[in-house]
């Protein structure tokens, strides 16, 4: 039976609209995705973040609700061909994704090919064409200090509406100092999402205060219920 579309009250329910409920583990089954969608409906999370393979069943489960479907594109390295990434964007949108996390081409960045990093991001944003909110993935732990600034400059010049401070490839915990660093580099226009071992409501409040607006969490239910 489908859960109610009206979010359930929880001790930290005020944080639910900022949470992106992450269901991205490689051993995740479709039944887990559907149960995660039900949790997102029950507590009122901003979206569920699923692999492109599960976009369609998640979108069907969430149809008629305010909970969106998000998917990563080119994840994790952004090193697939540009045409394959553009095709993935089109496929995800056609199947119900309303938000996309776009992996920047990290091997191009590490090679100093900054024009390619910027051009690919621009083409990905143009392909989405406003049909999905796009977040450019800034995998901070893999870059030198100079590379961090160059990546953030590429994101800003491409006019991405959001960026994601990702710690997926390093295991680093989400840190308010990282949010403040990014905000100082990019200014106030771009929204910021961050992930990385977020387990408590207080962590989200600290990251909100630092300047982030969205939070990728797998412990979403435990955060809003305080359990």
C-alpha atoms as a PDB file:
ATOM      1  CA  UNK A   1       0.000   0.000   0.000  1.00  0.00           C
ATOM      2  CA  UNK A   2       1.253   3.436  -0.893  1.00  0.00           C
ATOM      3  CA  UNK A   3       2.049   5.724   2.060  1.00  0.00           C
ATOM      4  CA  UNK A   4       0.274   9.029   2.449  1.00  0.00           C
ATOM      5  CA  UNK A   5       1.549  11.903   0.340  1.00  0.00           C
ATOM      6  CA  UNK A   6       1.399  14.146   3.418  1.00  0.00           C
ATOM      7  CA  UNK A   7       4.732  14.002   5.261  1.00  0.00           C
ATOM      8  CA  UNK A   8       4.713  12.410   8.686  1.00  0.00           C
ATOM      9  CA  UNK A   9       5.645  14.638  11.606  1.00  0.00           C
ATOM     10  CA  UNK A  10       9.074  13.780  13.051  1.00  0.00           C
ATOM     11  CA  UNK A  11      11.282  15.509  15.651  1.00  0.00           C
ATOM     12  CA  UNK A  12      13.472  17.068  12.946  1.00  0.00           C
ATOM     13  CA  UNK A  13      10.908  17.201  10.140  1.00  0.00           C
ATOM     14  CA  UNK A  14      11.912  20.789   9.344  1.00  0.00           C
ATOM     15  CA  UNK A  15      15.109  19.420   7.797  1.00  0.00           C
ATOM     16  CA  UNK A  16      13.404  16.927   5.468  1.00  0.00           C
ATOM     17  CA  UNK A  17      12.934  19.369   2.533  1.00  0.00           C
ATOM     18  CA  UNK A  18      16.715  19.863   2.409  1.00  0.00           C
ATOM     19  CA  UNK A  19      17.565  16.151   2.316  1.00  0.00           C
ATOM     20  CA  UNK A  20      18.291  14.152  -0.829  1.00  0.00           C
ATOM     21  CA  UNK A  21      17.636  10.543   0.141  1.00  0.00           C
ATOM     22  CA  UNK A  22      20.573   8.628  -1.360  1.00  0.00           C
ATOM     23  CA  UNK A  23      19.912   5.099  -2.636  1.00  0.00           C
ATOM     24  CA  UNK A  24      23.063   4.592  -4.679  1.00  0.00           C
ATOM     25  CA  UNK A  25      24.854   1.583  -3.205  1.00  0.00           C
ATOM     26  CA  UNK A  26      25.831  -0.872  -5.939  1.00  0.00           C
ATOM     27  CA  UNK A  27      24.063  -3.751  -4.145  1.00  0.00           C
ATOM     28  CA  UNK A  28      20.742  -1.871  -4.007  1.00  0.00           C
ATOM     29  CA  UNK A  29      17.760  -3.861  -5.291  1.00  0.00           C
ATOM     30  CA  UNK A  30      14.582  -2.468  -6.821  1.00  0.00           C
ATOM     31  CA  UNK A  31      12.621  -3.366  -3.697  1.00  0.00           C
ATOM     32  CA  UNK A  32      15.017  -1.208  -1.664  1.00  0.00           C
ATOM     33  CA  UNK A  33      14.484   1.672  -4.104  1.00  0.00           C
ATOM     34  CA  UNK A  34      10.704   1.452  -3.778  1.00  0.00           C
ATOM     35  CA  UNK A  35      10.907   1.272   0.021  1.00  0.00           C
ATOM     36  CA  UNK A  36      13.205   4.312  -0.048  1.00  0.00           C
ATOM     37  CA  UNK A  37      10.664   6.160  -2.182  1.00  0.00           C
ATOM     38  CA  UNK A  38       8.012   5.328   0.414  1.00  0.00           C
ATOM     39  CA  UNK A  39      10.256   6.752   3.145  1.00  0.00           C
ATOM     40  CA  UNK A  40      10.751   9.906   1.078  1.00  0.00           C
ATOM     41  CA  UNK A  41       6.987  10.282   0.760  1.00  0.00           C
ATOM     42  CA  UNK A  42       6.440   9.566   4.445  1.00  0.00           C
ATOM     43  CA  UNK A  43       8.924  12.165   5.685  1.00  0.00           C
ATOM     44  CA  UNK A  44       8.863  14.706   2.851  1.00  0.00           C
ATOM     45  CA  UNK A  45      12.429  14.543   1.562  1.00  0.00           C
ATOM     46  CA  UNK A  46      13.379  16.759  -1.380  1.00  0.00           C
ATOM     47  CA  UNK A  47      14.144  13.813  -3.624  1.00  0.00           C
ATOM     48  CA  UNK A  48      15.427  10.282  -3.889  1.00  0.00           C
ATOM     49  CA  UNK A  49      18.780   9.942  -5.600  1.00  0.00           C
ATOM     50  CA  UNK A  50      18.964   6.732  -7.617  1.00  0.00           C
ATOM     51  CA  UNK A  51      21.121   5.316 -10.391  1.00  0.00           C
ATOM     52  CA  UNK A  52      19.798   5.934 -13.921  1.00  0.00           C
ATOM     53  CA  UNK A  53      18.715   2.286 -14.089  1.00  0.00           C
ATOM     54  CA  UNK A  54      16.136   2.910 -11.351  1.00  0.00           C
ATOM     55  CA  UNK A  55      14.887   6.345 -12.479  1.00  0.00           C
ATOM     56  CA  UNK A  56      11.732   5.014 -14.111  1.00  0.00           C
ATOM     57  CA  UNK A  57      10.430   2.829 -11.243  1.00  0.00           C
ATOM     58  CA  UNK A  58      11.245   5.571  -8.742  1.00  0.00           C
ATOM     59  CA  UNK A  59       9.408   8.174 -10.832  1.00  0.00           C
ATOM     60  CA  UNK A  60       6.387   5.907 -11.075  1.00  0.00           C
ATOM     61  CA  UNK A  61       6.372   5.329  -7.324  1.00  0.00           C
ATOM     62  CA  UNK A  62       6.598   9.054  -6.600  1.00  0.00           C
ATOM     63  CA  UNK A  63       4.109  10.164  -9.254  1.00  0.00           C
ATOM     64  CA  UNK A  64       1.689  12.788  -7.967  1.00  0.00           C
ATOM     65  CA  UNK A  65       3.897  13.808  -5.047  1.00  0.00           C
ATOM     66  CA  UNK A  66       6.304  16.653  -4.393  1.00  0.00           C
ATOM     67  CA  UNK A  67       9.233  14.268  -3.968  1.00  0.00           C
ATOM     68  CA  UNK A  68      11.484  14.376  -7.030  1.00  0.00           C
ATOM     69  CA  UNK A  69      13.790  11.849  -8.631  1.00  0.00           C
ATOM     70  CA  UNK A  70      17.468  12.705  -8.940  1.00  0.00           C
ATOM     71  CA  UNK A  71      20.158  10.736 -10.756  1.00  0.00           C
ATOM     72  CA  UNK A  72      23.935  11.005 -11.190  1.00  0.00           C
ATOM     73  CA  UNK A  73      25.258  11.334 -14.741  1.00  0.00           C
ATOM     74  CA  UNK A  74      28.701  10.078 -15.755  1.00  0.00           C
ATOM     75  CA  UNK A  75      29.351   9.105 -12.159  1.00  0.00           C
ATOM     76  CA  UNK A  76      31.849   8.838 -10.621  1.00  0.00           C
ATOM     77  CA  UNK A  77      34.737   9.991 -12.832  1.00  0.00           C
ATOM     78  CA  UNK A  78      32.985  11.847 -15.639  1.00  0.00           C
ATOM     79  CA  UNK A  79      35.396  10.105 -17.995  1.00  0.00           C
ATOM     80  CA  UNK A  80      32.890   8.501 -20.341  1.00  0.00           C
ATOM     81  CA  UNK A  81      32.510  10.016 -23.788  1.00  0.00           C
ATOM     82  CA  UNK A  82      30.621  13.287 -23.903  1.00  0.00           C
ATOM     83  CA  UNK A  83      28.031  11.762 -26.230  1.00  0.00           C
ATOM     84  CA  UNK A  84      27.307   8.969 -23.759  1.00  0.00           C
ATOM     85  CA  UNK A  85      26.830  11.501 -20.968  1.00  0.00           C
ATOM     86  CA  UNK A  86      24.483  13.580 -23.109  1.00  0.00           C
ATOM     87  CA  UNK A  87      22.499  10.444 -23.956  1.00  0.00           C
ATOM     88  CA  UNK A  88      22.308   9.602 -20.246  1.00  0.00           C
ATOM     89  CA  UNK A  89      20.940  13.069 -19.488  1.00  0.00           C
ATOM     90  CA  UNK A  90      18.259  12.730 -22.148  1.00  0.00           C
ATOM     91  CA  UNK A  91      17.323   9.228 -20.996  1.00  0.00           C
ATOM     92  CA  UNK A  92      17.058  10.222 -17.322  1.00  0.00           C
ATOM     93  CA  UNK A  93      14.864  13.223 -18.102  1.00  0.00           C
ATOM     94  CA  UNK A  94      12.622  11.233 -20.443  1.00  0.00           C
ATOM     95  CA  UNK A  95      12.125   8.656 -17.692  1.00  0.00           C
ATOM     96  CA  UNK A  96      11.199  11.103 -14.958  1.00  0.00           C
ATOM     97  CA  UNK A  97      14.319  12.584 -13.392  1.00  0.00           C
ATOM     98  CA  UNK A  98      13.858  16.198 -12.319  1.00  0.00           C
ATOM     99  CA  UNK A  99      17.309  16.716 -10.822  1.00  0.00           C
ATOM    100  CA  UNK A 100      20.716  15.558 -12.092  1.00  0.00           C
ATOM    101  CA  UNK A 101      24.168  15.425 -10.493  1.00  0.00           C
ATOM    102  CA  UNK A 102      26.624  15.925 -13.361  1.00  0.00           C
ATOM    103  CA  UNK A 103      30.090  14.398 -12.979  1.00  0.00           C
ATOM    104  CA  UNK A 104      32.766  16.712 -14.320  1.00  0.00           C
ATOM    105  CA  UNK A 105      35.503  15.139 -16.422  1.00  0.00           C
ATOM    106  CA  UNK A 106      38.054  14.588 -13.673  1.00  0.00           C
ATOM    107  CA  UNK A 107      40.701  12.998 -15.889  1.00  0.00           C
ATOM    108  CA  UNK A 108      40.564  16.071 -18.143  1.00  0.00           C
ATOM    109  CA  UNK A 109      40.894  18.299 -15.072  1.00  0.00           C
ATOM    110  CA  UNK A 110      43.872  16.325 -13.756  1.00  0.00           C
ATOM    111  CA  UNK A 111      45.427  16.642 -17.233  1.00  0.00           C
ATOM    112  CA  UNK A 112      45.056  20.424 -17.139  1.00  0.00           C
ATOM    113  CA  UNK A 113      42.533  20.375 -19.991  1.00  0.00           C
ATOM    114  CA  UNK A 114      40.333  23.065 -18.489  1.00  0.00           C
ATOM    115  CA  UNK A 115      38.682  24.070 -21.757  1.00  0.00           C
ATOM    116  CA  UNK A 116      37.397  20.484 -22.115  1.00  0.00           C
ATOM    117  CA  UNK A 117      36.077  20.470 -18.533  1.00  0.00           C
ATOM    118  CA  UNK A 118      34.196  23.712 -19.124  1.00  0.00           C
ATOM    119  CA  UNK A 119      32.957  22.796 -22.608  1.00  0.00           C
ATOM    120  CA  UNK A 120      31.614  19.404 -21.535  1.00  0.00           C
ATOM    121  CA  UNK A 121      29.767  20.911 -18.575  1.00  0.00           C
ATOM    122  CA  UNK A 122      28.251  23.587 -20.827  1.00  0.00           C
ATOM    123  CA  UNK A 123      27.039  20.927 -23.268  1.00  0.00           C
ATOM    124  CA  UNK A 124      25.543  18.840 -20.484  1.00  0.00           C
ATOM    125  CA  UNK A 125      23.685  21.851 -19.101  1.00  0.00           C
ATOM    126  CA  UNK A 126      22.469  22.765 -22.582  1.00  0.00           C
ATOM    127  CA  UNK A 127      21.182  19.223 -23.139  1.00  0.00           C
ATOM    128  CA  UNK A 128      19.225  19.330 -19.885  1.00  0.00           C
ATOM    129  CA  UNK A 129      17.918  22.711 -21.071  1.00  0.00           C
ATOM    130  CA  UNK A 130      16.175  23.557 -17.813  1.00  0.00           C
ATOM    131  CA  UNK A 131      14.135  20.341 -17.792  1.00  0.00           C
ATOM    132  CA  UNK A 132      16.030  19.147 -14.724  1.00  0.00           C
ATOM    133  CA  UNK A 133      17.895  21.060 -12.026  1.00  0.00           C
ATOM    134  CA  UNK A 134      21.571  20.278 -12.606  1.00  0.00           C
ATOM    135  CA  UNK A 135      24.279  20.090  -9.954  1.00  0.00           C
ATOM    136  CA  UNK A 136      27.884  20.028 -11.136  1.00  0.00           C
ATOM    137  CA  UNK A 137      29.858  17.536  -9.040  1.00  0.00           C
ATOM    138  CA  UNK A 138      32.951  19.006  -7.371  1.00  0.00           C
ATOM    139  CA  UNK A 139      34.873  15.968  -6.071  1.00  0.00           C
ATOM    140  CA  UNK A 140      37.051  18.100  -3.837  1.00  0.00           C
ATOM    141  CA  UNK A 141      39.294  15.473  -2.297  1.00  0.00           C
ATOM    142  CA  UNK A 142      40.973  14.590  -5.602  1.00  0.00           C
ATOM    143  CA  UNK A 143      42.129  18.102  -6.484  1.00  0.00           C
ATOM    144  CA  UNK A 144      45.089  20.248  -5.504  1.00  0.00           C
ATOM    145  CA  UNK A 145      44.379  23.724  -4.157  1.00  0.00           C
ATOM    146  CA  UNK A 146      44.959  25.251  -7.594  1.00  0.00           C
ATOM    147  CA  UNK A 147      42.790  22.602  -9.263  1.00  0.00           C
ATOM    148  CA  UNK A 148      39.970  23.264  -6.791  1.00  0.00           C
ATOM    149  CA  UNK A 149      39.870  26.908  -7.815  1.00  0.00           C
ATOM    150  CA  UNK A 150      39.990  26.034 -11.521  1.00  0.00           C
ATOM    151  CA  UNK A 151      37.154  23.507 -11.197  1.00  0.00           C
ATOM    152  CA  UNK A 152      35.011  25.980  -9.295  1.00  0.00           C
ATOM    153  CA  UNK A 153      35.778  28.640 -11.914  1.00  0.00           C
ATOM    154  CA  UNK A 154      34.659  26.257 -14.678  1.00  0.00           C
ATOM    155  CA  UNK A 155      31.402  25.590 -12.831  1.00  0.00           C
ATOM    156  CA  UNK A 156      30.760  29.291 -12.309  1.00  0.00           C
ATOM    157  CA  UNK A 157      31.545  30.204 -15.936  1.00  0.00           C
ATOM    158  CA  UNK A 158      29.193  27.486 -17.164  1.00  0.00           C
ATOM    159  CA  UNK A 159      26.404  29.110 -15.123  1.00  0.00           C
ATOM    160  CA  UNK A 160      25.476  25.876 -13.378  1.00  0.00           C
ATOM    161  CA  UNK A 161      22.551  26.514 -11.017  1.00  0.00           C
ATOM    162  CA  UNK A 162      23.937  24.175  -8.330  1.00  0.00           C
ATOM    163  CA  UNK A 163      27.110  22.369  -7.437  1.00  0.00           C
ATOM    164  CA  UNK A 164      27.631  19.309  -5.297  1.00  0.00           C
ATOM    165  CA  UNK A 165      30.566  19.123  -2.908  1.00  0.00           C
ATOM    166  CA  UNK A 166      31.168  15.409  -3.197  1.00  0.00           C
ATOM    167  CA  UNK A 167      33.200  13.182  -0.897  1.00  0.00           C
ATOM    168  CA  UNK A 168      32.147   9.932  -2.556  1.00  0.00           C
ATOM    169  CA  UNK A 169      35.623   8.913  -3.725  1.00  0.00           C
ATOM    170  CA  UNK A 170      37.570   9.821  -0.579  1.00  0.00           C
ATOM    171  CA  UNK A 171      35.266   9.038   2.337  1.00  0.00           C
ATOM    172  CA  UNK A 172      35.791  12.523   3.778  1.00  0.00           C
ATOM    173  CA  UNK A 173      33.053  13.772   6.100  1.00  0.00           C
ATOM    174  CA  UNK A 174      30.950  16.775   5.132  1.00  0.00           C
ATOM    175  CA  UNK A 175      32.588  19.825   6.704  1.00  0.00           C
ATOM    176  CA  UNK A 176      31.218  23.363   7.123  1.00  0.00           C
ATOM    177  CA  UNK A 177      34.693  24.715   6.320  1.00  0.00           C
ATOM    178  CA  UNK A 178      34.495  23.145   2.865  1.00  0.00           C
ATOM    179  CA  UNK A 179      31.134  24.833   2.306  1.00  0.00           C
ATOM    180  CA  UNK A 180      32.540  28.172   3.362  1.00  0.00           C
ATOM    181  CA  UNK A 181      35.545  27.739   1.048  1.00  0.00           C
ATOM    182  CA  UNK A 182      33.323  26.984  -1.940  1.00  0.00           C
ATOM    183  CA  UNK A 183      30.925  29.809  -1.139  1.00  0.00           C
ATOM    184  CA  UNK A 184      33.830  32.264  -0.954  1.00  0.00           C
ATOM    185  CA  UNK A 185      35.006  31.118  -4.391  1.00  0.00           C
ATOM    186  CA  UNK A 186      31.687  31.096  -6.246  1.00  0.00           C
ATOM    187  CA  UNK A 187      29.632  33.805  -4.558  1.00  0.00           C
ATOM    188  CA  UNK A 188      25.955  33.656  -3.658  1.00  0.00           C
ATOM    189  CA  UNK A 189      24.343  32.725  -6.991  1.00  0.00           C
ATOM    190  CA  UNK A 190      24.975  28.985  -7.085  1.00  0.00           C
ATOM    191  CA  UNK A 191      23.233  26.588  -4.729  1.00  0.00           C
ATOM    192  CA  UNK A 192      25.389  24.113  -2.810  1.00  0.00           C
ATOM    193  CA  UNK A 193      24.741  20.451  -2.075  1.00  0.00           C
ATOM    194  CA  UNK A 194      27.136  18.440   0.074  1.00  0.00           C
ATOM    195  CA  UNK A 195      27.461  14.791   1.031  1.00  0.00           C
ATOM    196  CA  UNK A 196      29.803  12.747   3.161  1.00  0.00           C
ATOM    197  CA  UNK A 197      28.778  10.789   6.243  1.00  0.00           C
ATOM    198  CA  UNK A 198      25.978  13.103   7.358  1.00  0.00           C
ATOM    199  CA  UNK A 199      24.301  11.301  10.263  1.00  0.00           C
ATOM    200  CA  UNK A 200      22.700  13.890  12.564  1.00  0.00           C
ATOM    201  CA  UNK A 201      20.324  16.835  12.473  1.00  0.00           C
ATOM    202  CA  UNK A 202      22.967  19.041  14.084  1.00  0.00           C
ATOM    203  CA  UNK A 203      25.403  18.332  11.255  1.00  0.00           C
ATOM    204  CA  UNK A 204      22.818  19.504   8.743  1.00  0.00           C
ATOM    205  CA  UNK A 205      22.142  22.648  10.785  1.00  0.00           C
ATOM    206  CA  UNK A 206      25.875  23.418  10.887  1.00  0.00           C
ATOM    207  CA  UNK A 207      26.166  22.922   7.117  1.00  0.00           C
ATOM    208  CA  UNK A 208      23.084  25.078   6.506  1.00  0.00           C
ATOM    209  CA  UNK A 209      24.635  27.855   8.571  1.00  0.00           C
ATOM    210  CA  UNK A 210      27.815  27.579   6.500  1.00  0.00           C
ATOM    211  CA  UNK A 211      25.875  28.187   3.273  1.00  0.00           C
ATOM    212  CA  UNK A 212      24.700  24.828   1.878  1.00  0.00           C
ATOM    213  CA  UNK A 213      21.087  24.191   0.829  1.00  0.00           C
ATOM    214  CA  UNK A 214      20.909  20.457   0.027  1.00  0.00           C
ATOM    215  CA  UNK A 215      22.343  17.373   1.699  1.00  0.00           C
ATOM    216  CA  UNK A 216      22.956  13.939   0.248  1.00  0.00           C
ATOM    217  CA  UNK A 217      22.218  11.421   2.992  1.00  0.00           C
ATOM    218  CA  UNK A 218      21.710   7.686   3.268  1.00  0.00           C
ATOM    219  CA  UNK A 219      20.815   8.041   6.985  1.00  0.00           C
ATOM    220  CA  UNK A 220      17.894  10.320   6.087  1.00  0.00           C
ATOM    221  CA  UNK A 221      15.219   8.589   8.173  1.00  0.00           C
ATOM    222  CA  UNK A 222      17.461   8.376  11.235  1.00  0.00           C
ATOM    223  CA  UNK A 223      18.281  12.090  10.900  1.00  0.00           C
ATOM    224  CA  UNK A 224      14.686  13.349  10.838  1.00  0.00           C
ATOM    225  CA  UNK A 225      13.462  10.899  13.485  1.00  0.00           C
ATOM    226  CA  UNK A 226      16.474  11.364  15.758  1.00  0.00           C
ATOM    227  CA  UNK A 227      16.936   7.589  16.053  1.00  0.00           C
END
